[in-house]
Amino acid sequence: MKLRYGIPALLALFLVSCNNEPSLQKYFVEHSEDKNFIALDVSSEILNVDKAKLSVAQTEALQSFDKMNILAFNANATNKAEFEAERAKVNAILKDKKYQQLMKFGSGKEGASVSFVGTDEHIEEFIFFANKNENGFAVVRVTGDDMNPAGVMNMISVLQQSNIDMAQLKPLQQLMK
């Protein structure tokens, strides 16, 4: 008798727990194989930094950084309508209250924004979104453990000291032209 009610209850719980709301992570997964997109996953190893030369704060910032997921749409004359539609989808996702905007710059439909997920002191991910009509757009998700704004500033100083392995970023060079 318990089995007869238990299976439907588990099935109902599973269906209720499935979240069909759009998210940046779902967007990345859905578009990573699309011919108009360039998708890269970059680990902290790309930085090639001498850890012995880092301050304690910089070391902590580097340890809180996990990886970057980059998804870029390469706009051209033949895919302008798709570019507009995809850019609108990303903008709609980033308007969700889950994504808290830190700053936005640019004018009209061109520019960039920086958002985050989490609380001010315990950030789960940073999102950088930049778009330009001629080139396309790029969304960068920086994920980590217990990141914070001060750590991000320290991470920027680590980036300045790093010797980035450009071979991992080669697919993006075409988009930047």
N, C-alpha and C. Protein backbone atom coordinates (compact mmCIF):
# COMPACT_ATOMS: atom_id res chain seq x y z
N MET A 1 0.82 -1.19 0.00
CA MET A 1 0.00 0.00 0.00
C MET A 1 0.87 1.26 0.00
N LYS A 2 1.96 1.25 0.80
CA LYS A 2 2.85 2.41 0.86
C LYS A 2 3.49 2.68 -0.49
N LEU A 3 3.84 1.62 -1.21
CA LEU A 3 4.49 1.76 -2.51
C LEU A 3 3.54 2.41 -3.52
N ARG A 4 2.27 2.08 -3.40
CA ARG A 4 1.28 2.62 -4.33
C ARG A 4 1.16 4.14 -4.21
N TYR A 5 1.32 4.68 -3.01
CA TYR A 5 1.26 6.12 -2.80
C TYR A 5 2.64 6.78 -2.85
N GLY A 6 3.65 6.01 -2.54
CA GLY A 6 5.01 6.55 -2.46
C GLY A 6 5.57 6.95 -3.82
N ILE A 7 5.37 6.12 -4.83
CA ILE A 7 5.91 6.40 -6.16
C ILE A 7 5.26 7.66 -6.76
N PRO A 8 3.92 7.78 -6.74
CA PRO A 8 3.35 9.03 -7.26
C PRO A 8 3.79 10.27 -6.47
N ALA A 9 3.98 10.12 -5.16
CA ALA A 9 4.43 11.26 -4.35
C ALA A 9 5.85 11.66 -4.75
N LEU A 10 6.73 10.69 -4.97
CA LEU A 10 8.10 11.00 -5.40
C LEU A 10 8.10 11.63 -6.79
N LEU A 11 7.26 11.12 -7.67
CA LEU A 11 7.18 11.68 -9.02
C LEU A 11 6.68 13.12 -8.97
N ALA A 12 5.69 13.39 -8.16
CA ALA A 12 5.16 14.76 -8.02
C ALA A 12 6.23 15.69 -7.45
N LEU A 13 6.97 15.22 -6.45
CA LEU A 13 8.04 16.02 -5.86
C LEU A 13 9.11 16.33 -6.90
N PHE A 14 9.46 15.35 -7.71
CA PHE A 14 10.46 15.55 -8.76
C PHE A 14 9.99 16.60 -9.76
N LEU A 15 8.73 16.50 -10.20
CA LEU A 15 8.21 17.44 -11.18
C LEU A 15 8.11 18.85 -10.62
N VAL A 16 7.76 18.99 -9.35
CA VAL A 16 7.67 20.31 -8.73
C VAL A 16 9.05 20.92 -8.57
N SER A 17 10.05 20.09 -8.28
CA SER A 17 11.40 20.62 -8.04
C SER A 17 12.13 20.98 -9.32
N CYS A 18 11.66 20.53 -10.48
CA CYS A 18 12.28 20.91 -11.74
C CYS A 18 11.96 22.37 -12.02
N ASN A 19 12.99 23.14 -12.24
CA ASN A 19 12.84 24.57 -12.45
C ASN A 19 12.94 24.86 -13.94
N ASN A 20 11.86 25.34 -14.52
CA ASN A 20 11.86 25.64 -15.95
C ASN A 20 12.16 27.10 -16.24
N GLU A 21 12.46 27.88 -15.21
CA GLU A 21 12.78 29.28 -15.42
C GLU A 21 14.12 29.40 -16.14
N PRO A 22 14.24 30.40 -17.01
CA PRO A 22 15.52 30.58 -17.70
C PRO A 22 16.61 30.99 -16.72
N SER A 23 17.80 30.49 -16.95
CA SER A 23 18.95 30.89 -16.15
C SER A 23 20.15 30.99 -17.07
N LEU A 24 21.15 31.68 -16.63
CA LEU A 24 22.35 31.83 -17.43
C LEU A 24 23.03 30.49 -17.66
N GLN A 25 23.03 29.65 -16.65
CA GLN A 25 23.66 28.34 -16.78
C GLN A 25 22.94 27.51 -17.86
N LYS A 26 21.61 27.52 -17.85
CA LYS A 26 20.85 26.80 -18.88
C LYS A 26 21.13 27.39 -20.25
N TYR A 27 21.22 28.71 -20.32
CA TYR A 27 21.49 29.38 -21.59
C TYR A 27 22.84 28.93 -22.14
N PHE A 28 23.85 28.86 -21.28
CA PHE A 28 25.17 28.41 -21.71
C PHE A 28 25.10 26.99 -22.27
N VAL A 29 24.43 26.10 -21.56
CA VAL A 29 24.33 24.70 -21.98
C VAL A 29 23.60 24.59 -23.32
N GLU A 30 22.50 25.31 -23.45
CA GLU A 30 21.69 25.24 -24.67
C GLU A 30 22.42 25.79 -25.90
N HIS A 31 23.34 26.72 -25.72
CA HIS A 31 23.97 27.38 -26.86
C HIS A 31 25.45 27.02 -27.07
N SER A 32 25.99 26.15 -26.26
CA SER A 32 27.42 25.85 -26.36
C SER A 32 27.79 25.15 -27.67
N GLU A 33 26.85 24.50 -28.32
CA GLU A 33 27.15 23.81 -29.58
C GLU A 33 26.62 24.56 -30.81
N ASP A 34 26.00 25.70 -30.61
CA ASP A 34 25.43 26.49 -31.71
C ASP A 34 26.55 27.07 -32.56
N LYS A 35 26.40 27.04 -33.88
CA LYS A 35 27.44 27.51 -34.80
C LYS A 35 27.72 29.01 -34.69
N ASN A 36 26.77 29.79 -34.21
CA ASN A 36 26.97 31.23 -34.06
C ASN A 36 27.68 31.61 -32.76
N PHE A 37 27.88 30.63 -31.89
CA PHE A 37 28.47 30.90 -30.58
C PHE A 37 29.86 30.29 -30.46
N ILE A 38 30.65 30.92 -29.64
CA ILE A 38 31.95 30.37 -29.24
C ILE A 38 31.84 30.14 -27.74
N ALA A 39 32.09 28.93 -27.29
CA ALA A 39 31.99 28.60 -25.87
C ALA A 39 33.35 28.14 -25.36
N LEU A 40 33.75 28.70 -24.23
CA LEU A 40 35.02 28.33 -23.60
C LEU A 40 34.83 28.17 -22.10
N ASP A 41 35.48 27.19 -21.55
CA ASP A 41 35.57 27.04 -20.10
C ASP A 41 37.03 27.21 -19.75
N VAL A 42 37.31 28.17 -18.88
CA VAL A 42 38.68 28.53 -18.56
C VAL A 42 38.90 28.36 -17.06
N SER A 43 39.92 27.59 -16.70
CA SER A 43 40.23 27.40 -15.28
C SER A 43 41.21 28.45 -14.81
N SER A 44 41.45 28.47 -13.52
CA SER A 44 42.39 29.44 -12.95
C SER A 44 43.82 29.18 -13.41
N GLU A 45 44.07 28.01 -13.96
CA GLU A 45 45.42 27.66 -14.43
C GLU A 45 45.86 28.54 -15.61
N ILE A 46 44.92 29.17 -16.28
CA ILE A 46 45.25 30.03 -17.42
C ILE A 46 46.11 31.22 -17.00
N LEU A 47 46.03 31.58 -15.73
CA LEU A 47 46.71 32.79 -15.26
C LEU A 47 48.23 32.68 -15.23
N ASN A 48 48.76 31.48 -15.06
CA ASN A 48 50.21 31.29 -15.00
C ASN A 48 50.88 32.34 -14.10
N VAL A 49 50.48 32.37 -12.86
CA VAL A 49 51.00 33.37 -11.93
C VAL A 49 51.94 32.70 -10.93
N ASP A 50 52.98 33.41 -10.55
CA ASP A 50 53.92 32.92 -9.54
C ASP A 50 53.29 33.14 -8.17
N LYS A 51 52.76 32.08 -7.60
CA LYS A 51 52.01 32.18 -6.34
C LYS A 51 52.88 32.64 -5.18
N ALA A 52 54.17 32.45 -5.29
CA ALA A 52 55.08 32.88 -4.22
C ALA A 52 55.16 34.40 -4.13
N LYS A 53 54.85 35.09 -5.20
CA LYS A 53 54.94 36.55 -5.23
C LYS A 53 53.63 37.23 -4.84
N LEU A 54 52.60 36.44 -4.54
CA LEU A 54 51.30 37.01 -4.21
C LEU A 54 51.19 37.35 -2.73
N SER A 55 50.44 38.39 -2.44
CA SER A 55 50.15 38.72 -1.04
C SER A 55 49.14 37.71 -0.50
N VAL A 56 48.92 37.74 0.79
CA VAL A 56 47.95 36.84 1.42
C VAL A 56 46.56 37.09 0.84
N ALA A 57 46.19 38.36 0.70
CA ALA A 57 44.87 38.71 0.16
C ALA A 57 44.74 38.25 -1.30
N GLN A 58 45.80 38.38 -2.08
CA GLN A 58 45.75 37.93 -3.47
C GLN A 58 45.64 36.41 -3.55
N THR A 59 46.36 35.72 -2.66
CA THR A 59 46.29 34.26 -2.62
C THR A 59 44.88 33.80 -2.28
N GLU A 60 44.26 34.45 -1.29
CA GLU A 60 42.89 34.10 -0.91
C GLU A 60 41.93 34.36 -2.07
N ALA A 61 42.12 35.46 -2.78
CA ALA A 61 41.27 35.78 -3.93
C ALA A 61 41.42 34.73 -5.01
N LEU A 62 42.65 34.32 -5.29
CA LEU A 62 42.91 33.30 -6.30
C LEU A 62 42.30 31.97 -5.90
N GLN A 63 42.37 31.64 -4.62
CA GLN A 63 41.79 30.38 -4.14
C GLN A 63 40.26 30.39 -4.21
N SER A 64 39.65 31.56 -4.10
CA SER A 64 38.18 31.63 -4.17
C SER A 64 37.68 31.52 -5.61
N PHE A 65 38.55 31.77 -6.58
CA PHE A 65 38.20 31.69 -7.99
C PHE A 65 38.23 30.24 -8.45
N ASP A 66 37.17 29.80 -9.11
CA ASP A 66 37.09 28.43 -9.60
C ASP A 66 37.34 28.38 -11.10
N LYS A 67 36.43 29.01 -11.87
CA LYS A 67 36.59 28.98 -13.32
C LYS A 67 35.78 30.09 -13.97
N MET A 68 36.02 30.26 -15.26
CA MET A 68 35.25 31.20 -16.07
C MET A 68 34.60 30.41 -17.20
N ASN A 69 33.34 30.70 -17.44
CA ASN A 69 32.63 30.17 -18.60
C ASN A 69 32.38 31.36 -19.51
N ILE A 70 32.79 31.23 -20.75
CA ILE A 70 32.63 32.32 -21.71
C ILE A 70 31.76 31.82 -22.86
N LEU A 71 30.75 32.61 -23.18
CA LEU A 71 29.89 32.31 -24.32
C LEU A 71 29.79 33.60 -25.14
N ALA A 72 30.21 33.52 -26.38
CA ALA A 72 30.22 34.71 -27.23
C ALA A 72 29.45 34.44 -28.52
N PHE A 73 28.62 35.38 -28.89
CA PHE A 73 27.87 35.32 -30.14
C PHE A 73 28.62 36.16 -31.16
N ASN A 74 28.97 35.55 -32.28
CA ASN A 74 29.71 36.23 -33.33
C ASN A 74 28.72 36.77 -34.36
N ALA A 75 28.42 38.06 -34.30
CA ALA A 75 27.45 38.67 -35.21
C ALA A 75 28.08 38.92 -36.58
N ASN A 76 27.26 38.74 -37.60
CA ASN A 76 27.69 39.05 -38.96
C ASN A 76 26.47 39.51 -39.75
N ALA A 77 26.65 39.78 -41.02
CA ALA A 77 25.57 40.32 -41.85
C ALA A 77 24.41 39.35 -42.02
N THR A 78 24.67 38.06 -41.91
CA THR A 78 23.62 37.06 -42.16
C THR A 78 22.84 36.65 -40.91
N ASN A 79 23.30 37.01 -39.73
CA ASN A 79 22.60 36.55 -38.52
C ASN A 79 22.16 37.69 -37.60
N LYS A 80 21.91 38.85 -38.16
CA LYS A 80 21.52 40.02 -37.35
C LYS A 80 20.23 39.78 -36.56
N ALA A 81 19.24 39.14 -37.18
CA ALA A 81 17.96 38.89 -36.49
C ALA A 81 18.18 37.94 -35.31
N GLU A 82 18.99 36.91 -35.51
CA GLU A 82 19.28 35.97 -34.42
C GLU A 82 20.08 36.67 -33.32
N PHE A 83 21.01 37.53 -33.73
CA PHE A 83 21.79 38.30 -32.75
C PHE A 83 20.86 39.11 -31.85
N GLU A 84 19.92 39.83 -32.45
CA GLU A 84 18.99 40.64 -31.67
C GLU A 84 18.15 39.78 -30.73
N ALA A 85 17.69 38.64 -31.22
CA ALA A 85 16.86 37.74 -30.40
C ALA A 85 17.66 37.16 -29.23
N GLU A 86 18.88 36.74 -29.50
CA GLU A 86 19.71 36.15 -28.45
C GLU A 86 20.13 37.20 -27.42
N ARG A 87 20.46 38.39 -27.88
CA ARG A 87 20.81 39.47 -26.96
C ARG A 87 19.63 39.79 -26.06
N ALA A 88 18.43 39.80 -26.62
CA ALA A 88 17.22 40.06 -25.83
C ALA A 88 17.02 38.97 -24.78
N LYS A 89 17.30 37.71 -25.13
CA LYS A 89 17.17 36.60 -24.17
C LYS A 89 18.13 36.79 -22.99
N VAL A 90 19.38 37.14 -23.29
CA VAL A 90 20.36 37.33 -22.22
C VAL A 90 19.94 38.51 -21.34
N ASN A 91 19.52 39.60 -21.95
CA ASN A 91 19.05 40.75 -21.17
C ASN A 91 17.88 40.37 -20.27
N ALA A 92 16.96 39.55 -20.77
CA ALA A 92 15.81 39.12 -19.97
C ALA A 92 16.27 38.26 -18.79
N ILE A 93 17.21 37.38 -19.02
CA ILE A 93 17.73 36.53 -17.94
C ILE A 93 18.39 37.40 -16.87
N LEU A 94 19.18 38.37 -17.30
CA LEU A 94 19.91 39.21 -16.34
C LEU A 94 18.99 40.18 -15.58
N LYS A 95 17.76 40.34 -16.02
CA LYS A 95 16.81 41.18 -15.29
C LYS A 95 16.17 40.44 -14.12
N ASP A 96 16.36 39.13 -14.04
CA ASP A 96 15.85 38.35 -12.92
C ASP A 96 16.48 38.89 -11.63
N LYS A 97 15.71 38.93 -10.55
CA LYS A 97 16.20 39.48 -9.28
C LYS A 97 17.37 38.69 -8.71
N LYS A 98 17.58 37.47 -9.19
CA LYS A 98 18.72 36.65 -8.76
C LYS A 98 20.05 37.33 -9.13
N TYR A 99 20.05 38.04 -10.27
CA TYR A 99 21.25 38.71 -10.77
C TYR A 99 21.21 40.17 -10.33
N GLN A 100 22.10 40.54 -9.43
CA GLN A 100 22.15 41.90 -8.90
C GLN A 100 23.18 42.69 -9.69
N GLN A 101 22.74 43.76 -10.32
CA GLN A 101 23.63 44.54 -11.16
C GLN A 101 24.51 45.47 -10.31
N LEU A 102 25.82 45.39 -10.56
CA LEU A 102 26.77 46.27 -9.88
C LEU A 102 26.98 47.56 -10.66
N MET A 103 27.13 47.42 -11.97
CA MET A 103 27.34 48.60 -12.80
C MET A 103 26.95 48.31 -14.23
N LYS A 104 26.67 49.38 -14.94
CA LYS A 104 26.31 49.28 -16.35
C LYS A 104 26.88 50.51 -17.04
N PHE A 105 27.45 50.31 -18.21
CA PHE A 105 27.95 51.45 -18.95
C PHE A 105 27.74 51.22 -20.44
N GLY A 106 27.69 52.32 -21.17
CA GLY A 106 27.41 52.27 -22.59
C GLY A 106 26.15 53.06 -22.87
N SER A 107 25.76 53.05 -24.13
CA SER A 107 24.57 53.80 -24.50
C SER A 107 23.72 52.95 -25.43
N GLY A 108 22.42 53.13 -25.34
CA GLY A 108 21.51 52.39 -26.20
C GLY A 108 21.65 50.89 -26.02
N LYS A 109 21.77 50.18 -27.13
CA LYS A 109 21.86 48.72 -27.09
C LYS A 109 23.30 48.22 -27.02
N GLU A 110 24.27 49.12 -27.00
CA GLU A 110 25.66 48.71 -26.92
C GLU A 110 26.21 49.09 -25.55
N GLY A 111 27.08 48.25 -25.03
CA GLY A 111 27.68 48.54 -23.74
C GLY A 111 28.01 47.28 -22.99
N ALA A 112 28.09 47.42 -21.68
CA ALA A 112 28.46 46.29 -20.84
C ALA A 112 27.83 46.44 -19.46
N SER A 113 27.75 45.33 -18.77
CA SER A 113 27.25 45.34 -17.40
C SER A 113 27.99 44.30 -16.58
N VAL A 114 28.01 44.54 -15.28
CA VAL A 114 28.61 43.61 -14.33
C VAL A 114 27.53 43.32 -13.29
N SER A 115 27.25 42.04 -13.10
CA SER A 115 26.25 41.62 -12.12
C SER A 115 26.84 40.51 -11.26
N PHE A 116 26.13 40.16 -10.19
CA PHE A 116 26.58 39.04 -9.37
C PHE A 116 25.40 38.27 -8.82
N VAL A 117 25.68 37.05 -8.38
CA VAL A 117 24.69 36.19 -7.73
C VAL A 117 25.21 35.91 -6.33
N GLY A 118 24.36 36.07 -5.34
CA GLY A 118 24.73 35.84 -3.96
C GLY A 118 24.46 37.07 -3.12
N THR A 119 25.18 37.18 -2.03
CA THR A 119 25.07 38.35 -1.17
C THR A 119 26.33 39.19 -1.31
N ASP A 120 26.30 40.39 -0.76
CA ASP A 120 27.45 41.29 -0.88
C ASP A 120 28.76 40.66 -0.39
N GLU A 121 28.68 39.86 0.64
CA GLU A 121 29.89 39.28 1.23
C GLU A 121 30.16 37.83 0.83
N HIS A 122 29.20 37.18 0.18
CA HIS A 122 29.35 35.78 -0.21
C HIS A 122 28.83 35.61 -1.63
N ILE A 123 29.65 36.00 -2.58
CA ILE A 123 29.27 35.99 -3.99
C ILE A 123 29.57 34.63 -4.59
N GLU A 124 28.57 34.06 -5.28
CA GLU A 124 28.71 32.77 -5.93
C GLU A 124 29.28 32.90 -7.33
N GLU A 125 28.84 33.96 -8.04
CA GLU A 125 29.36 34.18 -9.39
C GLU A 125 29.23 35.64 -9.79
N PHE A 126 30.16 36.06 -10.64
CA PHE A 126 30.11 37.37 -11.27
C PHE A 126 29.76 37.15 -12.73
N ILE A 127 28.98 38.07 -13.29
CA ILE A 127 28.60 37.97 -14.69
C ILE A 127 28.99 39.27 -15.38
N PHE A 128 29.77 39.13 -16.45
CA PHE A 128 30.14 40.26 -17.29
C PHE A 128 29.43 40.06 -18.62
N PHE A 129 28.68 41.06 -19.04
CA PHE A 129 27.95 40.99 -20.31
C PHE A 129 28.31 42.21 -21.12
N ALA A 130 28.88 41.99 -22.29
CA ALA A 130 29.26 43.09 -23.17
C ALA A 130 28.71 42.82 -24.56
N ASN A 131 28.21 43.86 -25.22
CA ASN A 131 27.70 43.67 -26.56
C ASN A 131 27.92 44.89 -27.43
N LYS A 132 28.12 44.60 -28.70
CA LYS A 132 28.34 45.65 -29.69
C LYS A 132 27.69 45.18 -30.99
N ASN A 133 26.93 46.04 -31.62
CA ASN A 133 26.17 45.65 -32.82
C ASN A 133 27.04 45.04 -33.91
N GLU A 134 28.24 45.56 -34.12
CA GLU A 134 29.09 45.07 -35.22
C GLU A 134 29.72 43.72 -34.92
N ASN A 135 30.02 43.45 -33.65
CA ASN A 135 30.78 42.26 -33.30
C ASN A 135 29.94 41.13 -32.72
N GLY A 136 28.95 41.47 -31.92
CA GLY A 136 28.17 40.45 -31.23
C GLY A 136 28.17 40.73 -29.75
N PHE A 137 28.07 39.68 -28.97
CA PHE A 137 28.11 39.85 -27.52
C PHE A 137 28.86 38.71 -26.87
N ALA A 138 29.26 38.96 -25.64
CA ALA A 138 29.93 37.93 -24.85
C ALA A 138 29.38 37.97 -23.43
N VAL A 139 29.18 36.81 -22.87
CA VAL A 139 28.76 36.66 -21.49
C VAL A 139 29.85 35.85 -20.80
N VAL A 140 30.37 36.38 -19.70
CA VAL A 140 31.41 35.69 -18.94
C VAL A 140 30.89 35.45 -17.54
N ARG A 141 30.87 34.17 -17.14
CA ARG A 141 30.48 33.80 -15.77
C ARG A 141 31.76 33.44 -15.02
N VAL A 142 32.03 34.14 -13.95
CA VAL A 142 33.17 33.84 -13.11
C VAL A 142 32.61 33.20 -11.84
N THR A 143 32.91 31.93 -11.65
CA THR A 143 32.39 31.21 -10.49
C THR A 143 33.49 30.94 -9.49
N GLY A 144 33.08 30.80 -8.25
CA GLY A 144 34.06 30.54 -7.20
C GLY A 144 33.38 30.22 -5.89
N ASP A 145 34.18 30.10 -4.87
CA ASP A 145 33.70 29.79 -3.52
C ASP A 145 33.86 31.01 -2.64
N ASP A 146 32.73 31.52 -2.17
CA ASP A 146 32.74 32.59 -1.17
C ASP A 146 33.55 33.81 -1.62
N MET A 147 33.32 34.24 -2.86
CA MET A 147 33.99 35.44 -3.36
C MET A 147 33.34 36.66 -2.72
N ASN A 148 34.06 37.77 -2.70
CA ASN A 148 33.51 39.02 -2.19
C ASN A 148 34.09 40.18 -3.00
N PRO A 149 33.49 41.37 -2.90
CA PRO A 149 33.97 42.49 -3.71
C PRO A 149 35.45 42.82 -3.49
N ALA A 150 35.92 42.75 -2.26
CA ALA A 150 37.34 43.02 -2.00
C ALA A 150 38.21 41.97 -2.69
N GLY A 151 37.74 40.74 -2.68
CA GLY A 151 38.46 39.66 -3.35
C GLY A 151 38.54 39.88 -4.85
N VAL A 152 37.48 40.44 -5.40
CA VAL A 152 37.48 40.72 -6.84
C VAL A 152 38.54 41.77 -7.16
N MET A 153 38.64 42.78 -6.33
CA MET A 153 39.68 43.80 -6.55
C MET A 153 41.07 43.17 -6.44
N ASN A 154 41.24 42.26 -5.48
CA ASN A 154 42.52 41.56 -5.36
C ASN A 154 42.76 40.66 -6.57
N MET A 155 41.69 40.06 -7.09
CA MET A 155 41.81 39.20 -8.26
C MET A 155 42.26 40.01 -9.47
N ILE A 156 41.79 41.23 -9.57
CA ILE A 156 42.21 42.10 -10.68
C ILE A 156 43.72 42.37 -10.59
N SER A 157 44.23 42.56 -9.38
CA SER A 157 45.67 42.76 -9.23
C SER A 157 46.44 41.48 -9.57
N VAL A 158 45.85 40.32 -9.29
CA VAL A 158 46.48 39.04 -9.68
C VAL A 158 46.52 38.95 -11.21
N LEU A 159 45.43 39.34 -11.85
CA LEU A 159 45.38 39.30 -13.32
C LEU A 159 46.47 40.19 -13.92
N GLN A 160 46.74 41.33 -13.29
CA GLN A 160 47.77 42.23 -13.80
C GLN A 160 49.16 41.61 -13.70
N GLN A 161 49.35 40.73 -12.73
CA GLN A 161 50.65 40.07 -12.54
C GLN A 161 50.77 38.77 -13.32
N SER A 162 49.69 38.32 -13.91
CA SER A 162 49.69 37.00 -14.54
C SER A 162 50.28 37.03 -15.94
N ASN A 163 50.65 35.87 -16.38
CA ASN A 163 51.12 35.65 -17.75
C ASN A 163 50.11 34.72 -18.40
N ILE A 164 49.00 35.30 -18.86
CA ILE A 164 47.86 34.51 -19.33
C ILE A 164 48.23 33.68 -20.54
N ASP A 165 47.81 32.41 -20.50
CA ASP A 165 48.03 31.47 -21.58
C ASP A 165 47.03 31.78 -22.70
N MET A 166 47.46 32.55 -23.69
CA MET A 166 46.57 33.03 -24.75
C MET A 166 46.08 31.91 -25.66
N ALA A 167 46.74 30.77 -25.66
CA ALA A 167 46.31 29.66 -26.51
C ALA A 167 44.90 29.21 -26.13
N GLN A 168 44.56 29.30 -24.84
CA GLN A 168 43.22 28.90 -24.41
C GLN A 168 42.16 29.88 -24.89
N LEU A 169 42.56 31.10 -25.20
CA LEU A 169 41.60 32.13 -25.62
C LEU A 169 41.58 32.35 -27.13
N LYS A 170 42.29 31.52 -27.88
CA LYS A 170 42.39 31.70 -29.32
C LYS A 170 41.02 31.80 -30.03
N PRO A 171 40.01 31.00 -29.65
CA PRO A 171 38.72 31.11 -30.33
C PRO A 171 38.08 32.49 -30.20
N LEU A 172 38.42 33.23 -29.15
CA LEU A 172 37.82 34.55 -28.97
C LEU A 172 38.50 35.63 -29.81
N GLN A 173 39.71 35.36 -30.26
CA GLN A 173 40.43 36.37 -31.03
C GLN A 173 39.70 36.75 -32.31
N GLN A 174 39.04 35.79 -32.95
CA GLN A 174 38.28 36.06 -34.16
C GLN A 174 37.13 37.01 -33.87
N LEU A 175 36.48 36.84 -32.73
CA LEU A 175 35.35 37.69 -32.35
C LEU A 175 35.82 39.12 -32.08
N MET A 176 37.01 39.29 -31.55
CA MET A 176 37.52 40.60 -31.18
C MET A 176 37.95 41.43 -32.38
N LYS A 177 38.11 40.82 -33.55
CA LYS A 177 38.57 41.56 -34.74
C LYS A 177 37.55 42.59 -35.17
